[in-house]
Every structure is written in structure tokens, then in C-alpha cells.
């Protein structure tokens, strides 16, 4: 994807400090759920705007969108957990009745 551009000498690659920083940013972006295309776009903005204003605004916008997605996922998981707990309690009550000879 062209995210890293190490110097090449024959078959060896030599990574500069800039490449190491970019790799850390790539790994952080992936851990936070961003795709490589998103990461590349954010890095391209950094390269295009030395003031970082455009990049920072874009990262904040993308981060807010990702936070919204995560909040939706958390809410969905909480709903599923509540349903599972309710189902488990119902099954446990039924099992208890069976074991006590009530059914």
C-alpha cells in the first residue's frame, strides 16, 4: 500500500526513524479498527500539511465516527448479554423444577 518506503540495498530493507514512527502509527490505527486505506489517507494528509491542522481535524472526525460505531457495538453486546442472562435464568428455573420433581 506504500505506507512504508524503506531504503533498499539489494534484497535488504533499511528502515529510517520516520519509517519506525509510521509503523507505530499503522499498528495503532489497526488496533483502533482503522483499515489500511484510512491509515494511508491520514498519513497522506500529514505529508501534505506540515502544520498538521488538516490531519488533526481528519483524525478527530474519523475517531468520532469510530467511537460512534464502538458505542453501538457496546449497546448491542449489552442487549445480547441481558437476553442471555434472562434465558439462562429461565432454563435454571426449569431445571430446578425438574430436579425437584415438579415437572
C-alpha atoms as a PDB file:
ATOM      1  CA  UNK A   1       0.000   0.000   0.000  1.00  0.00           C
ATOM      2  CA  UNK A   2       3.041   2.254   0.050  1.00  0.00           C
ATOM      3  CA  UNK A   3       2.690   3.119   3.730  1.00  0.00           C
ATOM      4  CA  UNK A   4       6.374   2.468   4.334  1.00  0.00           C
ATOM      5  CA  UNK A   5       9.179   3.281   1.937  1.00  0.00           C
ATOM      6  CA  UNK A   6      12.357   1.761   3.307  1.00  0.00           C
ATOM      7  CA  UNK A   7      15.659   2.246   1.557  1.00  0.00           C
ATOM      8  CA  UNK A   8      16.685  -0.863  -0.366  1.00  0.00           C
ATOM      9  CA  UNK A   9      20.158  -2.228  -0.855  1.00  0.00           C
ATOM     10  CA  UNK A  10      19.885  -5.382  -2.872  1.00  0.00           C
ATOM     11  CA  UNK A  11      17.364  -7.573  -1.090  1.00  0.00           C
ATOM     12  CA  UNK A  12      17.765  -5.810   2.256  1.00  0.00           C
ATOM     13  CA  UNK A  13      15.489  -3.069   3.525  1.00  0.00           C
ATOM     14  CA  UNK A  14      16.761  -0.323   5.767  1.00  0.00           C
ATOM     15  CA  UNK A  15      14.167   1.490   7.849  1.00  0.00           C
ATOM     16  CA  UNK A  16      14.777   5.036   8.981  1.00  0.00           C
ATOM     17  CA  UNK A  17      13.337   6.634  12.123  1.00  0.00           C
ATOM     18  CA  UNK A  18      10.480   8.075  10.020  1.00  0.00           C
ATOM     19  CA  UNK A  19       9.553   4.555   8.911  1.00  0.00           C
ATOM     20  CA  UNK A  20       9.557   3.326  12.511  1.00  0.00           C
ATOM     21  CA  UNK A  21       7.234   6.142  13.558  1.00  0.00           C
ATOM     22  CA  UNK A  22       4.953   5.427  10.616  1.00  0.00           C
ATOM     23  CA  UNK A  23       4.913   1.716  11.527  1.00  0.00           C
ATOM     24  CA  UNK A  24       3.877   2.577  15.087  1.00  0.00           C
ATOM     25  CA  UNK A  25       1.080   4.771  13.726  1.00  0.00           C
ATOM     26  CA  UNK A  26      -0.030   1.995  11.369  1.00  0.00           C
ATOM     27  CA  UNK A  27      -0.137  -0.551  14.194  1.00  0.00           C
ATOM     28  CA  UNK A  28      -2.050   1.844  16.450  1.00  0.00           C
ATOM     29  CA  UNK A  29      -4.507   2.609  13.663  1.00  0.00           C
ATOM     30  CA  UNK A  30      -5.096  -1.110  13.048  1.00  0.00           C
ATOM     31  CA  UNK A  31      -5.552  -1.756  16.783  1.00  0.00           C
ATOM     32  CA  UNK A  32      -8.161   1.018  16.879  1.00  0.00           C
ATOM     33  CA  UNK A  33     -10.021  -0.587  13.997  1.00  0.00           C
ATOM     34  CA  UNK A  34      -8.993   1.577  11.066  1.00  0.00           C
ATOM     35  CA  UNK A  35      -8.354  -0.012   7.698  1.00  0.00           C
ATOM     36  CA  UNK A  36      -5.114   0.451   5.811  1.00  0.00           C
ATOM     37  CA  UNK A  37      -6.842   2.767   3.340  1.00  0.00           C
ATOM     38  CA  UNK A  38      -7.964   5.048   6.196  1.00  0.00           C
ATOM     39  CA  UNK A  39      -4.488   4.986   7.705  1.00  0.00           C
ATOM     40  CA  UNK A  40      -2.912   5.843   4.371  1.00  0.00           C
ATOM     41  CA  UNK A  41      -5.310   8.764   3.864  1.00  0.00           C
ATOM     42  CA  UNK A  42      -4.493  10.115   7.319  1.00  0.00           C
ATOM     43  CA  UNK A  43      -0.759   9.787   6.695  1.00  0.00           C
ATOM     44  CA  UNK A  44      -1.061  11.427   3.286  1.00  0.00           C
ATOM     45  CA  UNK A  45      -2.718  14.413   4.970  1.00  0.00           C
ATOM     46  CA  UNK A  46       0.205  14.643   7.386  1.00  0.00           C
ATOM     47  CA  UNK A  47       2.668  14.641   4.489  1.00  0.00           C
ATOM     48  CA  UNK A  48       0.642  17.278   2.611  1.00  0.00           C
ATOM     49  CA  UNK A  49       0.136  19.686   5.536  1.00  0.00           C
ATOM     50  CA  UNK A  50       3.189  20.365   7.720  1.00  0.00           C
ATOM     51  CA  UNK A  51       1.025  22.387  10.144  1.00  0.00           C
ATOM     52  CA  UNK A  52      -0.877  19.146  10.918  1.00  0.00           C
ATOM     53  CA  UNK A  53      -4.152  21.088  11.174  1.00  0.00           C
ATOM     54  CA  UNK A  54      -5.890  19.211   8.367  1.00  0.00           C
ATOM     55  CA  UNK A  55      -4.621  15.856   9.610  1.00  0.00           C
ATOM     56  CA  UNK A  56      -5.674  16.527  13.190  1.00  0.00           C
ATOM     57  CA  UNK A  57      -9.152  17.614  12.095  1.00  0.00           C
ATOM     58  CA  UNK A  58      -9.482  14.495   9.954  1.00  0.00           C
ATOM     59  CA  UNK A  59      -8.247  12.164  12.700  1.00  0.00           C
ATOM     60  CA  UNK A  60     -10.718  13.724  15.154  1.00  0.00           C
ATOM     61  CA  UNK A  61     -13.563  13.289  12.655  1.00  0.00           C
ATOM     62  CA  UNK A  62     -12.624   9.678  11.947  1.00  0.00           C
ATOM     63  CA  UNK A  63     -12.123   8.998  15.653  1.00  0.00           C
ATOM     64  CA  UNK A  64     -15.566  10.382  16.466  1.00  0.00           C
ATOM     65  CA  UNK A  65     -17.104   8.140  13.812  1.00  0.00           C
ATOM     66  CA  UNK A  66     -15.216   5.123  15.198  1.00  0.00           C
ATOM     67  CA  UNK A  67     -16.366   5.987  18.737  1.00  0.00           C
ATOM     68  CA  UNK A  68     -19.955   6.039  17.485  1.00  0.00           C
ATOM     69  CA  UNK A  69     -19.507   2.607  15.923  1.00  0.00           C
ATOM     70  CA  UNK A  70     -17.969   1.241  19.115  1.00  0.00           C
ATOM     71  CA  UNK A  71     -20.789   2.684  21.229  1.00  0.00           C
ATOM     72  CA  UNK A  72     -23.327   0.937  19.004  1.00  0.00           C
ATOM     73  CA  UNK A  73     -21.428  -2.331  19.352  1.00  0.00           C
ATOM     74  CA  UNK A  74     -21.275  -1.969  23.140  1.00  0.00           C
ATOM     75  CA  UNK A  75     -25.025  -1.357  23.299  1.00  0.00           C
ATOM     76  CA  UNK A  76     -25.698  -4.360  21.082  1.00  0.00           C
ATOM     77  CA  UNK A  77     -23.469  -6.555  23.250  1.00  0.00           C
ATOM     78  CA  UNK A  78     -25.216  -5.332  26.392  1.00  0.00           C
ATOM     79  CA  UNK A  79     -28.574  -6.278  24.870  1.00  0.00           C
ATOM     80  CA  UNK A  80     -27.292  -9.726  23.924  1.00  0.00           C
ATOM     81  CA  UNK A  81     -25.853 -10.238  27.411  1.00  0.00           C
ATOM     82  CA  UNK A  82     -29.172  -9.277  29.019  1.00  0.00           C
ATOM     83  CA  UNK A  83     -31.019 -11.731  26.762  1.00  0.00           C
ATOM     84  CA  UNK A  84     -28.510 -14.475  27.564  1.00  0.00           C
ATOM     85  CA  UNK A  85     -28.830 -13.863  31.302  1.00  0.00           C
ATOM     86  CA  UNK A  86     -32.621 -13.927  31.065  1.00  0.00           C
ATOM     87  CA  UNK A  87     -32.550 -17.153  29.047  1.00  0.00           C
ATOM     88  CA  UNK A  88     -30.113 -18.733  31.495  1.00  0.00           C
ATOM     89  CA  UNK A  89     -32.312 -17.803  34.465  1.00  0.00           C
ATOM     90  CA  UNK A  90     -35.374 -19.280  32.732  1.00  0.00           C
ATOM     91  CA  UNK A  91     -33.501 -22.512  31.963  1.00  0.00           C
ATOM     92  CA  UNK A  92     -32.151 -22.694  35.518  1.00  0.00           C
ATOM     93  CA  UNK A  93     -35.662 -22.324  36.979  1.00  0.00           C
ATOM     94  CA  UNK A  94     -36.948 -25.058  34.688  1.00  0.00           C
ATOM     95  CA  UNK A  95     -34.057 -27.343  35.601  1.00  0.00           C
ATOM     96  CA  UNK A  96     -34.676 -26.740  39.298  1.00  0.00           C
ATOM     97  CA  UNK A  97     -38.372 -27.654  38.893  1.00  0.00           C
ATOM     98  CA  UNK A  98     -37.459 -30.841  37.040  1.00  0.00           C
ATOM     99  CA  UNK A  99     -34.916 -31.841  39.663  1.00  0.00           C
ATOM    100  CA  UNK A 100     -37.449 -31.189  42.428  1.00  0.00           C
ATOM    101  CA  UNK A 101     -39.974 -33.404  40.647  1.00  0.00           C
ATOM    102  CA  UNK A 102     -42.374 -30.585  39.888  1.00  0.00           C
ATOM    103  CA  UNK A 103     -42.496 -31.336  36.170  1.00  0.00           C
END
